[in-house]
PDB file of N, CA and C in Angstrom:
ATOM      1  N   UNK A   1       0.843  -1.172   0.000  1.00  0.00           N
ATOM      2  CA  UNK A   1       0.000   0.000   0.000  1.00  0.00           C
ATOM      3  C   UNK A   1       0.892   1.240   0.000  1.00  0.00           C
ATOM      4  N   UNK A   2       0.482   2.232  -0.768  1.00  0.00           N
ATOM      5  CA  UNK A   2       1.199   3.512  -0.827  1.00  0.00           C
ATOM      6  C   UNK A   2       0.287   4.586  -0.251  1.00  0.00           C
ATOM      7  N   UNK A   3       0.819   5.360   0.672  1.00  0.00           N
ATOM      8  CA  UNK A   3       0.104   6.463   1.303  1.00  0.00           C
ATOM      9  C   UNK A   3       0.952   7.706   1.107  1.00  0.00           C
ATOM     10  N   UNK A   4       0.348   8.758   0.550  1.00  0.00           N
ATOM     11  CA  UNK A   4       1.103   9.989   0.323  1.00  0.00           C
ATOM     12  C   UNK A   4       0.214  11.194   0.614  1.00  0.00           C
ATOM     13  N   UNK A   5       0.593  11.969   1.614  1.00  0.00           N
ATOM     14  CA  UNK A   5      -0.118  13.211   1.898  1.00  0.00           C
ATOM     15  C   UNK A   5       0.352  14.241   0.875  1.00  0.00           C
ATOM     16  N   UNK A   6      -0.563  14.685   0.028  1.00  0.00           N
ATOM     17  CA  UNK A   6      -0.218  15.634  -1.035  1.00  0.00           C
ATOM     18  C   UNK A   6      -0.296  17.081  -0.574  1.00  0.00           C
ATOM     19  N   UNK A   7      -0.830  17.303   0.603  1.00  0.00           N
ATOM     20  CA  UNK A   7      -0.910  18.645   1.151  1.00  0.00           C
ATOM     21  C   UNK A   7      -1.981  18.726   2.208  1.00  0.00           C
ATOM     22  N   UNK A   8      -1.717  19.533   3.222  1.00  0.00           N
ATOM     23  CA  UNK A   8      -2.670  19.686   4.310  1.00  0.00           C
ATOM     24  C   UNK A   8      -2.553  21.093   4.874  1.00  0.00           C
ATOM     25  N   UNK A   9      -3.653  21.813   4.841  1.00  0.00           N
ATOM     26  CA  UNK A   9      -3.657  23.166   5.371  1.00  0.00           C
ATOM     27  C   UNK A   9      -4.868  23.927   4.886  1.00  0.00           C
ATOM     28  N   UNK A  10      -4.954  25.179   5.253  1.00  0.00           N
ATOM     29  CA  UNK A  10      -6.128  25.981   4.904  1.00  0.00           C
ATOM     30  C   UNK A  10      -6.245  26.250   3.402  1.00  0.00           C
ATOM     31  N   UNK A  11      -5.171  26.062   2.657  1.00  0.00           N
ATOM     32  CA  UNK A  11      -5.208  26.285   1.201  1.00  0.00           C
ATOM     33  C   UNK A  11      -5.571  25.027   0.419  1.00  0.00           C
ATOM     34  N   UNK A  12      -5.645  23.885   1.100  1.00  0.00           N
ATOM     35  CA  UNK A  12      -6.036  22.651   0.432  1.00  0.00           C
ATOM     36  C   UNK A  12      -5.569  21.410   1.165  1.00  0.00           C
ATOM     37  N   UNK A  13      -6.327  20.331   0.969  1.00  0.00           N
ATOM     38  CA  UNK A  13      -6.019  19.042   1.582  1.00  0.00           C
ATOM     39  C   UNK A  13      -6.268  17.939   0.573  1.00  0.00           C
ATOM     40  N   UNK A  14      -5.367  16.981   0.514  1.00  0.00           N
ATOM     41  CA  UNK A  14      -5.574  15.809  -0.320  1.00  0.00           C
ATOM     42  C   UNK A  14      -4.559  14.746   0.072  1.00  0.00           C
ATOM     43  N   UNK A  15      -5.044  13.503   0.128  1.00  0.00           N
ATOM     44  CA  UNK A  15      -4.196  12.368   0.446  1.00  0.00           C
ATOM     45  C   UNK A  15      -4.413  11.287  -0.602  1.00  0.00           C
ATOM     46  N   UNK A  16      -3.328  10.711  -1.071  1.00  0.00           N
ATOM     47  CA  UNK A  16      -3.339   9.650  -2.079  1.00  0.00           C
ATOM     48  C   UNK A  16      -3.136   8.329  -1.360  1.00  0.00           C
ATOM     49  N   UNK A  17      -3.977   7.358  -1.684  1.00  0.00           N
ATOM     50  CA  UNK A  17      -3.884   6.034  -1.082  1.00  0.00           C
ATOM     51  C   UNK A  17      -4.001   5.011  -2.203  1.00  0.00           C
ATOM     52  N   UNK A  18      -3.005   4.139  -2.312  1.00  0.00           N
ATOM     53  CA  UNK A  18      -3.007   3.143  -3.390  1.00  0.00           C
ATOM     54  C   UNK A  18      -2.843   1.749  -2.815  1.00  0.00           C
ATOM     55  N   UNK A  19      -3.733   0.867  -3.235  1.00  0.00           N
ATOM     56  CA  UNK A  19      -3.631  -0.555  -2.932  1.00  0.00           C
ATOM     57  C   UNK A  19      -3.332  -1.291  -4.221  1.00  0.00           C
ATOM     58  N   UNK A  20      -3.405  -2.613  -4.181  1.00  0.00           N
ATOM     59  CA  UNK A  20      -3.109  -3.411  -5.374  1.00  0.00           C
ATOM     60  C   UNK A  20      -4.124  -3.174  -6.489  1.00  0.00           C
ATOM     61  N   UNK A  21      -5.372  -2.831  -6.135  1.00  0.00           N
ATOM     62  CA  UNK A  21      -6.424  -2.673  -7.133  1.00  0.00           C
ATOM     63  C   UNK A  21      -6.579  -1.282  -7.698  1.00  0.00           C
ATOM     64  N   UNK A  22      -5.817  -0.325  -7.219  1.00  0.00           N
ATOM     65  CA  UNK A  22      -5.931   1.039  -7.720  1.00  0.00           C
ATOM     66  C   UNK A  22      -5.752   2.059  -6.615  1.00  0.00           C
ATOM     67  N   UNK A  23      -5.940   3.311  -6.981  1.00  0.00           N
ATOM     68  CA  UNK A  23      -5.691   4.414  -6.052  1.00  0.00           C
ATOM     69  C   UNK A  23      -6.956   5.234  -5.840  1.00  0.00           C
ATOM     70  N   UNK A  24      -7.036   5.859  -4.675  1.00  0.00           N
ATOM     71  CA  UNK A  24      -8.107   6.809  -4.378  1.00  0.00           C
ATOM     72  C   UNK A  24      -7.484   8.069  -3.798  1.00  0.00           C
ATOM     73  N   UNK A  25      -8.238   9.146  -3.869  1.00  0.00           N
ATOM     74  CA  UNK A  25      -7.877  10.368  -3.154  1.00  0.00           C
ATOM     75  C   UNK A  25      -8.835  10.514  -1.991  1.00  0.00           C
ATOM     76  N   UNK A  26      -8.309  10.902  -0.859  1.00  0.00           N
ATOM     77  CA  UNK A  26      -9.139  11.302   0.265  1.00  0.00           C
ATOM     78  C   UNK A  26      -9.078  12.819   0.265  1.00  0.00           C
ATOM     79  N   UNK A  27     -10.197  13.420  -0.102  1.00  0.00           N
ATOM     80  CA  UNK A  27     -10.338  14.867  -0.270  1.00  0.00           C
ATOM     81  C   UNK A  27      -9.563  15.344  -1.503  1.00  0.00           C
ATOM     82  N   UNK A  28      -9.993  16.489  -2.014  1.00  0.00           N
ATOM     83  CA  UNK A  28      -9.300  17.116  -3.146  1.00  0.00           C
ATOM     84  C   UNK A  28      -9.594  18.605  -3.057  1.00  0.00           C
ATOM     85  N   UNK A  29      -8.777  19.297  -2.281  1.00  0.00           N
ATOM     86  CA  UNK A  29      -8.990  20.710  -2.040  1.00  0.00           C
ATOM     87  C   UNK A  29      -8.101  21.639  -2.844  1.00  0.00           C
ATOM     88  N   UNK A  30      -7.407  21.112  -3.848  1.00  0.00           N
ATOM     89  CA  UNK A  30      -6.498  21.911  -4.663  1.00  0.00           C
ATOM     90  C   UNK A  30      -7.052  22.087  -6.072  1.00  0.00           C
ATOM     91  N   UNK A  31      -6.524  23.052  -6.791  1.00  0.00           N
ATOM     92  CA  UNK A  31      -6.868  23.165  -8.211  1.00  0.00           C
ATOM     93  C   UNK A  31      -6.327  21.924  -8.917  1.00  0.00           C
ATOM     94  N   UNK A  32      -6.868  21.633 -10.077  1.00  0.00           N
ATOM     95  CA  UNK A  32      -6.405  20.472 -10.841  1.00  0.00           C
ATOM     96  C   UNK A  32      -4.916  20.600 -11.155  1.00  0.00           C
ATOM     97  N   UNK A  33      -4.503  21.778 -11.582  1.00  0.00           N
ATOM     98  CA  UNK A  33      -3.089  22.003 -11.922  1.00  0.00           C
ATOM     99  C   UNK A  33      -2.192  21.798 -10.703  1.00  0.00           C
ATOM    100  N   UNK A  34      -2.581  22.378  -9.575  1.00  0.00           N
ATOM    101  CA  UNK A  34      -1.773  22.275  -8.363  1.00  0.00           C
ATOM    102  C   UNK A  34      -1.670  20.825  -7.902  1.00  0.00           C
ATOM    103  N   UNK A  35      -2.793  20.111  -7.889  1.00  0.00           N
ATOM    104  CA  UNK A  35      -2.755  18.720  -7.434  1.00  0.00           C
ATOM    105  C   UNK A  35      -1.933  17.857  -8.389  1.00  0.00           C
ATOM    106  N   UNK A  36      -2.098  18.066  -9.681  1.00  0.00           N
ATOM    107  CA  UNK A  36      -1.329  17.300 -10.666  1.00  0.00           C
ATOM    108  C   UNK A  36       0.167  17.525 -10.473  1.00  0.00           C
ATOM    109  N   UNK A  37       0.566  18.760 -10.227  1.00  0.00           N
ATOM    110  CA  UNK A  37       1.983  19.061  -9.969  1.00  0.00           C
ATOM    111  C   UNK A  37       2.466  18.362  -8.705  1.00  0.00           C
ATOM    112  N   UNK A  38       1.647  18.395  -7.655  1.00  0.00           N
ATOM    113  CA  UNK A  38       2.016  17.729  -6.399  1.00  0.00           C
ATOM    114  C   UNK A  38       2.185  16.222  -6.620  1.00  0.00           C
ATOM    115  N   UNK A  39       1.272  15.650  -7.396  1.00  0.00           N
ATOM    116  CA  UNK A  39       1.353  14.214  -7.671  1.00  0.00           C
ATOM    117  C   UNK A  39       2.602  13.890  -8.486  1.00  0.00           C
ATOM    118  N   UNK A  40       2.910  14.707  -9.477  1.00  0.00           N
ATOM    119  CA  UNK A  40       4.101  14.467 -10.299  1.00  0.00           C
ATOM    120  C   UNK A  40       5.374  14.541  -9.460  1.00  0.00           C
ATOM    121  N   UNK A  41       5.434  15.489  -8.515  1.00  0.00           N
ATOM    122  CA  UNK A  41       6.599  15.592  -7.632  1.00  0.00           C
ATOM    123  C   UNK A  41       6.781  14.335  -6.789  1.00  0.00           C
ATOM    124  N   UNK A  42       5.668  13.657  -6.493  1.00  0.00           N
ATOM    125  CA  UNK A  42       5.713  12.426  -5.695  1.00  0.00           C
ATOM    126  C   UNK A  42       5.751  11.175  -6.581  1.00  0.00           C
ATOM    127  N   UNK A  43       5.939  11.365  -7.890  1.00  0.00           N
ATOM    128  CA  UNK A  43       5.950  10.253  -8.855  1.00  0.00           C
ATOM    129  C   UNK A  43       4.654   9.448  -8.838  1.00  0.00           C
ATOM    130  N   UNK A  44       3.531  10.149  -8.725  1.00  0.00           N
ATOM    131  CA  UNK A  44       2.207   9.529  -8.745  1.00  0.00           C
ATOM    132  C   UNK A  44       1.469   9.999  -9.988  1.00  0.00           C
ATOM    133  N   UNK A  45       0.578   9.164 -10.493  1.00  0.00           N
ATOM    134  CA  UNK A  45      -0.156   9.504 -11.705  1.00  0.00           C
ATOM    135  C   UNK A  45      -1.634   9.756 -11.401  1.00  0.00           C
ATOM    136  N   UNK A  46      -2.160  10.913 -11.796  1.00  0.00           N
ATOM    137  CA  UNK A  46      -3.587  11.178 -11.596  1.00  0.00           C
ATOM    138  C   UNK A  46      -4.472  10.156 -12.311  1.00  0.00           C
ATOM    139  N   UNK A  47      -3.992   9.598 -13.407  1.00  0.00           N
ATOM    140  CA  UNK A  47      -4.766   8.616 -14.168  1.00  0.00           C
ATOM    141  C   UNK A  47      -5.011   7.329 -13.394  1.00  0.00           C
ATOM    142  N   UNK A  48      -4.228   7.067 -12.352  1.00  0.00           N
ATOM    143  CA  UNK A  48      -4.404   5.860 -11.541  1.00  0.00           C
ATOM    144  C   UNK A  48      -5.535   5.991 -10.526  1.00  0.00           C
ATOM    145  N   UNK A  49      -5.987   7.209 -10.282  1.00  0.00           N
ATOM    146  CA  UNK A  49      -7.023   7.444  -9.269  1.00  0.00           C
ATOM    147  C   UNK A  49      -8.375   6.997  -9.817  1.00  0.00           C
ATOM    148  N   UNK A  50      -9.068   6.157  -9.052  1.00  0.00           N
ATOM    149  CA  UNK A  50     -10.353   5.613  -9.495  1.00  0.00           C
ATOM    150  C   UNK A  50     -11.541   6.159  -8.714  1.00  0.00           C
ATOM    151  N   UNK A  51     -11.289   6.932  -7.653  1.00  0.00           N
ATOM    152  CA  UNK A  51     -12.383   7.507  -6.863  1.00  0.00           C
ATOM    153  C   UNK A  51     -11.826   8.567  -5.922  1.00  0.00           C
ATOM    154  N   UNK A  52     -12.729   9.443  -5.474  1.00  0.00           N
ATOM    155  CA  UNK A  52     -12.407  10.422  -4.433  1.00  0.00           C
ATOM    156  C   UNK A  52     -13.364  10.175  -3.278  1.00  0.00           C
ATOM    157  N   UNK A  53     -12.824  10.132  -2.067  1.00  0.00           N
ATOM    158  CA  UNK A  53     -13.642  10.047  -0.860  1.00  0.00           C
ATOM    159  C   UNK A  53     -13.527  11.392  -0.156  1.00  0.00           C
ATOM    160  N   UNK A  54     -14.666  12.033   0.078  1.00  0.00           N
ATOM    161  CA  UNK A  54     -14.685  13.347   0.731  1.00  0.00           C
ATOM    162  C   UNK A  54     -14.951  13.146   2.217  1.00  0.00           C
ATOM    163  N   UNK A  55     -14.049  13.651   3.056  1.00  0.00           N
ATOM    164  CA  UNK A  55     -14.203  13.487   4.504  1.00  0.00           C
ATOM    165  C   UNK A  55     -15.273  14.410   5.076  1.00  0.00           C
ATOM    166  N   UNK A  56     -15.311  15.642   4.570  1.00  0.00           N
ATOM    167  CA  UNK A  56     -16.328  16.607   4.999  1.00  0.00           C
ATOM    168  C   UNK A  56     -16.316  17.777   4.020  1.00  0.00           C
ATOM    169  N   UNK A  57     -17.289  18.677   4.173  1.00  0.00           N
ATOM    170  CA  UNK A  57     -17.555  19.663   3.130  1.00  0.00           C
ATOM    171  C   UNK A  57     -16.788  20.977   3.241  1.00  0.00           C
ATOM    172  N   UNK A  58     -15.810  21.096   4.106  1.00  0.00           N
ATOM    173  CA  UNK A  58     -15.047  22.345   4.164  1.00  0.00           C
ATOM    174  C   UNK A  58     -14.354  22.579   2.827  1.00  0.00           C
ATOM    175  N   UNK A  59     -14.325  23.848   2.410  1.00  0.00           N
ATOM    176  CA  UNK A  59     -13.842  24.202   1.076  1.00  0.00           C
ATOM    177  C   UNK A  59     -12.421  23.721   0.812  1.00  0.00           C
ATOM    178  N   UNK A  60     -11.564  23.728   1.838  1.00  0.00           N
ATOM    179  CA  UNK A  60     -10.184  23.290   1.638  1.00  0.00           C
ATOM    180  C   UNK A  60     -10.075  21.774   1.434  1.00  0.00           C
ATOM    181  N   UNK A  61     -11.187  21.068   1.540  1.00  0.00           N
ATOM    182  CA  UNK A  61     -11.222  19.625   1.287  1.00  0.00           C
ATOM    183  C   UNK A  61     -11.961  19.278  -0.008  1.00  0.00           C
ATOM    184  N   UNK A  62     -12.721  20.239  -0.568  1.00  0.00           N
ATOM    185  CA  UNK A  62     -13.579  19.922  -1.722  1.00  0.00           C
ATOM    186  C   UNK A  62     -13.375  20.813  -2.944  1.00  0.00           C
ATOM    187  N   UNK A  63     -12.571  21.838  -2.813  1.00  0.00           N
ATOM    188  CA  UNK A  63     -12.452  22.836  -3.889  1.00  0.00           C
ATOM    189  C   UNK A  63     -12.249  22.217  -5.271  1.00  0.00           C
ATOM    190  N   UNK A  64     -11.400  21.213  -5.386  1.00  0.00           N
ATOM    191  CA  UNK A  64     -11.088  20.635  -6.685  1.00  0.00           C
ATOM    192  C   UNK A  64     -11.764  19.309  -6.991  1.00  0.00           C
ATOM    193  N   UNK A  65     -12.704  18.893  -6.148  1.00  0.00           N
ATOM    194  CA  UNK A  65     -13.341  17.579  -6.315  1.00  0.00           C
ATOM    195  C   UNK A  65     -14.018  17.439  -7.675  1.00  0.00           C
ATOM    196  N   UNK A  66     -14.878  18.384  -8.018  1.00  0.00           N
ATOM    197  CA  UNK A  66     -15.649  18.276  -9.252  1.00  0.00           C
ATOM    198  C   UNK A  66     -14.791  18.283 -10.495  1.00  0.00           C
ATOM    199  N   UNK A  67     -13.833  19.190 -10.553  1.00  0.00           N
ATOM    200  CA  UNK A  67     -12.962  19.297 -11.731  1.00  0.00           C
ATOM    201  C   UNK A  67     -12.174  18.000 -11.919  1.00  0.00           C
ATOM    202  N   UNK A  68     -11.600  17.490 -10.837  1.00  0.00           N
ATOM    203  CA  UNK A  68     -10.810  16.260 -10.931  1.00  0.00           C
ATOM    204  C   UNK A  68     -11.699  15.080 -11.323  1.00  0.00           C
ATOM    205  N   UNK A  69     -12.865  14.960 -10.683  1.00  0.00           N
ATOM    206  CA  UNK A  69     -13.771  13.839 -10.968  1.00  0.00           C
ATOM    207  C   UNK A  69     -14.261  13.871 -12.415  1.00  0.00           C
ATOM    208  N   UNK A  70     -14.578  15.059 -12.909  1.00  0.00           N
ATOM    209  CA  UNK A  70     -15.019  15.167 -14.314  1.00  0.00           C
ATOM    210  C   UNK A  70     -13.873  14.860 -15.276  1.00  0.00           C
ATOM    211  N   UNK A  71     -12.706  15.396 -14.992  1.00  0.00           N
ATOM    212  CA  UNK A  71     -11.549  15.215 -15.888  1.00  0.00           C
ATOM    213  C   UNK A  71     -11.187  13.745 -16.042  1.00  0.00           C
ATOM    214  N   UNK A  72     -11.224  13.002 -14.912  1.00  0.00           N
ATOM    215  CA  UNK A  72     -10.804  11.601 -14.941  1.00  0.00           C
ATOM    216  C   UNK A  72     -11.985  10.627 -14.896  1.00  0.00           C
ATOM    217  N   UNK A  73     -13.197  11.175 -14.958  1.00  0.00           N
ATOM    218  CA  UNK A  73     -14.434  10.374 -15.005  1.00  0.00           C
ATOM    219  C   UNK A  73     -14.487   9.333 -13.894  1.00  0.00           C
ATOM    220  N   UNK A  74     -14.366   9.833 -12.666  1.00  0.00           N
ATOM    221  CA  UNK A  74     -14.378   8.942 -11.505  1.00  0.00           C
ATOM    222  C   UNK A  74     -15.480   9.370 -10.544  1.00  0.00           C
ATOM    223  N   UNK A  75     -15.968   8.443  -9.721  1.00  0.00           N
ATOM    224  CA  UNK A  75     -17.012   8.783  -8.758  1.00  0.00           C
ATOM    225  C   UNK A  75     -16.450   9.473  -7.522  1.00  0.00           C
ATOM    226  N   UNK A  76     -17.358  10.162  -6.830  1.00  0.00           N
ATOM    227  CA  UNK A  76     -17.046  10.817  -5.563  1.00  0.00           C
ATOM    228  C   UNK A  76     -17.915  10.172  -4.490  1.00  0.00           C
ATOM    229  N   UNK A  77     -17.299   9.746  -3.401  1.00  0.00           N
ATOM    230  CA  UNK A  77     -17.997   9.137  -2.281  1.00  0.00           C
ATOM    231  C   UNK A  77     -18.053  10.137  -1.135  1.00  0.00           C
ATOM    232  N   UNK A  78     -19.239  10.332  -0.570  1.00  0.00           N
ATOM    233  CA  UNK A  78     -19.398  11.232   0.574  1.00  0.00           C
ATOM    234  C   UNK A  78     -20.688  10.872   1.301  1.00  0.00           C
ATOM    235  N   UNK A  79     -20.838  11.381   2.518  1.00  0.00           N
ATOM    236  CA  UNK A  79     -22.092  11.158   3.227  1.00  0.00           C
ATOM    237  C   UNK A  79     -23.186  12.002   2.583  1.00  0.00           C
ATOM    238  N   UNK A  80     -24.420  11.635   2.838  1.00  0.00           N
ATOM    239  CA  UNK A  80     -25.556  12.394   2.306  1.00  0.00           C
ATOM    240  C   UNK A  80     -25.517  13.830   2.825  1.00  0.00           C
ATOM    241  N   UNK A  81     -25.176  14.014   4.101  1.00  0.00           N
ATOM    242  CA  UNK A  81     -25.101  15.373   4.664  1.00  0.00           C
ATOM    243  C   UNK A  81     -24.029  16.200   3.961  1.00  0.00           C
ATOM    244  N   UNK A  82     -22.880  15.609   3.703  1.00  0.00           N
ATOM    245  CA  UNK A  82     -21.822  16.318   2.981  1.00  0.00           C
ATOM    246  C   UNK A  82     -22.274  16.636   1.566  1.00  0.00           C
ATOM    247  N   UNK A  83     -22.912  15.689   0.916  1.00  0.00           N
ATOM    248  CA  UNK A  83     -23.408  15.911  -0.447  1.00  0.00           C
ATOM    249  C   UNK A  83     -24.358  17.104  -0.488  1.00  0.00           C
ATOM    250  N   UNK A  84     -25.267  17.186   0.467  1.00  0.00           N
ATOM    251  CA  UNK A  84     -26.226  18.300   0.495  1.00  0.00           C
ATOM    252  C   UNK A  84     -25.552  19.634   0.795  1.00  0.00           C
ATOM    253  N   UNK A  85     -24.429  19.603   1.512  1.00  0.00           N
ATOM    254  CA  UNK A  85     -23.756  20.843   1.904  1.00  0.00           C
ATOM    255  C   UNK A  85     -22.817  21.385   0.825  1.00  0.00           C
ATOM    256  N   UNK A  86     -22.417  20.540  -0.116  1.00  0.00           N
ATOM    257  CA  UNK A  86     -21.496  20.978  -1.170  1.00  0.00           C
ATOM    258  C   UNK A  86     -22.260  21.814  -2.190  1.00  0.00           C
ATOM    259  N   UNK A  87     -21.679  22.930  -2.587  1.00  0.00           N
ATOM    260  CA  UNK A  87     -22.306  23.779  -3.599  1.00  0.00           C
ATOM    261  C   UNK A  87     -22.524  22.979  -4.878  1.00  0.00           C
ATOM    262  N   UNK A  88     -23.746  22.992  -5.416  1.00  0.00           N
ATOM    263  CA  UNK A  88     -24.046  22.183  -6.609  1.00  0.00           C
ATOM    264  C   UNK A  88     -23.109  22.443  -7.783  1.00  0.00           C
ATOM    265  N   UNK A  89     -22.676  23.688  -7.972  1.00  0.00           N
ATOM    266  CA  UNK A  89     -21.808  23.982  -9.117  1.00  0.00           C
ATOM    267  C   UNK A  89     -20.432  23.321  -8.997  1.00  0.00           C
ATOM    268  N   UNK A  90     -20.019  22.954  -7.778  1.00  0.00           N
ATOM    269  CA  UNK A  90     -18.728  22.280  -7.615  1.00  0.00           C
ATOM    270  C   UNK A  90     -18.779  20.832  -8.095  1.00  0.00           C
ATOM    271  N   UNK A  91     -19.962  20.237  -8.057  1.00  0.00           N
ATOM    272  CA  UNK A  91     -20.053  18.810  -8.382  1.00  0.00           C
ATOM    273  C   UNK A  91     -21.016  18.519  -9.532  1.00  0.00           C
ATOM    274  N   UNK A  92     -21.271  19.519 -10.362  1.00  0.00           N
ATOM    275  CA  UNK A  92     -22.111  19.305 -11.539  1.00  0.00           C
ATOM    276  C   UNK A  92     -21.551  18.187 -12.402  1.00  0.00           C
ATOM    277  N   UNK A  93     -22.433  17.332 -12.885  1.00  0.00           N
ATOM    278  CA  UNK A  93     -22.070  16.242 -13.801  1.00  0.00           C
ATOM    279  C   UNK A  93     -21.027  15.298 -13.210  1.00  0.00           C
ATOM    280  N   UNK A  94     -21.099  15.084 -11.896  1.00  0.00           N
ATOM    281  CA  UNK A  94     -20.193  14.171 -11.209  1.00  0.00           C
ATOM    282  C   UNK A  94     -21.024  13.031 -10.634  1.00  0.00           C
ATOM    283  N   UNK A  95     -20.537  11.811 -10.767  1.00  0.00           N
ATOM    284  CA  UNK A  95     -21.204  10.659 -10.169  1.00  0.00           C
ATOM    285  C   UNK A  95     -20.945  10.680  -8.666  1.00  0.00           C
ATOM    286  N   UNK A  96     -22.017  10.810  -7.887  1.00  0.00           N
ATOM    287  CA  UNK A  96     -21.915  10.848  -6.428  1.00  0.00           C
ATOM    288  C   UNK A  96     -22.422   9.531  -5.861  1.00  0.00           C
ATOM    289  N   UNK A  97     -21.646   8.940  -4.977  1.00  0.00           N
ATOM    290  CA  UNK A  97     -22.041   7.730  -4.252  1.00  0.00           C
ATOM    291  C   UNK A  97     -22.080   8.107  -2.775  1.00  0.00           C
ATOM    292  N   UNK A  98     -23.258   8.015  -2.167  1.00  0.00           N
ATOM    293  CA  UNK A  98     -23.365   8.403  -0.757  1.00  0.00           C
ATOM    294  C   UNK A  98     -23.286   7.174   0.148  1.00  0.00           C
ATOM    295  N   UNK A  99     -22.838   7.442   1.354  1.00  0.00           N
ATOM    296  CA  UNK A  99     -22.767   6.403   2.381  1.00  0.00           C
ATOM    297  C   UNK A  99     -23.137   7.040   3.707  1.00  0.00           C
ATOM    298  N   UNK A 100     -23.364   6.221   4.700  1.00  0.00           N
ATOM    299  CA  UNK A 100     -23.708   6.695   6.038  1.00  0.00           C
ATOM    300  C   UNK A 100     -22.446   6.683   6.892  1.00  0.00           C
ATOM    301  N   UNK A 101     -22.280   7.715   7.717  1.00  0.00           N
ATOM    302  CA  UNK A 101     -21.135   7.763   8.625  1.00  0.00           C
ATOM    303  C   UNK A 101     -21.100   6.461   9.426  1.00  0.00           C
ATOM    304  N   UNK A 102     -19.939   5.850   9.495  1.00  0.00           N
ATOM    305  CA  UNK A 102     -19.779   4.579  10.190  1.00  0.00           C
ATOM    306  C   UNK A 102     -19.803   3.372   9.268  1.00  0.00           C
ATOM    307  N   UNK A 103     -20.280   3.556   8.028  1.00  0.00           N
ATOM    308  CA  UNK A 103     -20.259   2.465   7.051  1.00  0.00           C
ATOM    309  C   UNK A 103     -18.815   2.080   6.737  1.00  0.00           C
ATOM    310  N   UNK A 104     -18.624   0.836   6.356  1.00  0.00           N
ATOM    311  CA  UNK A 104     -17.320   0.385   5.884  1.00  0.00           C
ATOM    312  C   UNK A 104     -17.348   0.448   4.364  1.00  0.00           C
ATOM    313  N   UNK A 105     -16.476   1.265   3.805  1.00  0.00           N
ATOM    314  CA  UNK A 105     -16.370   1.393   2.352  1.00  0.00           C
ATOM    315  C   UNK A 105     -15.289   0.457   1.839  1.00  0.00           C
ATOM    316  N   UNK A 106     -15.530  -0.100   0.671  1.00  0.00           N
ATOM    317  CA  UNK A 106     -14.482  -0.849  -0.006  1.00  0.00           C
ATOM    318  C   UNK A 106     -14.427  -0.357  -1.440  1.00  0.00           C
ATOM    319  N   UNK A 107     -13.321   0.272  -1.775  1.00  0.00           N
ATOM    320  CA  UNK A 107     -13.108   0.811  -3.119  1.00  0.00           C
ATOM    321  C   UNK A 107     -11.822   0.178  -3.629  1.00  0.00           C
ATOM    322  N   UNK A 108     -11.934  -0.520  -4.762  1.00  0.00           N
ATOM    323  CA  UNK A 108     -10.834  -1.356  -5.240  1.00  0.00           C
ATOM    324  C   UNK A 108     -10.566  -2.382  -4.147  1.00  0.00           C
ATOM    325  N   UNK A 109      -9.354  -2.469  -3.649  1.00  0.00           N
ATOM    326  CA  UNK A 109      -9.076  -3.376  -2.538  1.00  0.00           C
ATOM    327  C   UNK A 109      -8.806  -2.586  -1.256  1.00  0.00           C
ATOM    328  N   UNK A 110      -9.180  -1.329  -1.250  1.00  0.00           N
ATOM    329  CA  UNK A 110      -8.952  -0.472  -0.085  1.00  0.00           C
ATOM    330  C   UNK A 110     -10.220  -0.462   0.750  1.00  0.00           C
ATOM    331  N   UNK A 111     -10.060  -0.776   2.001  1.00  0.00           N
ATOM    332  CA  UNK A 111     -11.215  -0.877   2.898  1.00  0.00           C
ATOM    333  C   UNK A 111     -11.017   0.006   4.103  1.00  0.00           C
TER     334      UNK A 111
END
């Protein structure tokens, strides 16, 4: 398993997690360009990401979710409450998968 914190702070948050079956992002609070640059510096490929899991709706965790999800055609997982709190224009034309807090998610082989 590969774990890489791509950035954490008031300007953006994102963590890359890769198992044998693929990679996910936990949060995506950066612009697409900024996150792509961060990933390249860590020798990671945005094309390997198969989903984004949003921890909560603060802007520094969601700013780039929609752009990244649309660009790479991947789903976004979040709680129903988080989904309702996210500005609709940020996630237009994005596949949203909701779950309940406390649920066990399994995406690829990451649980």
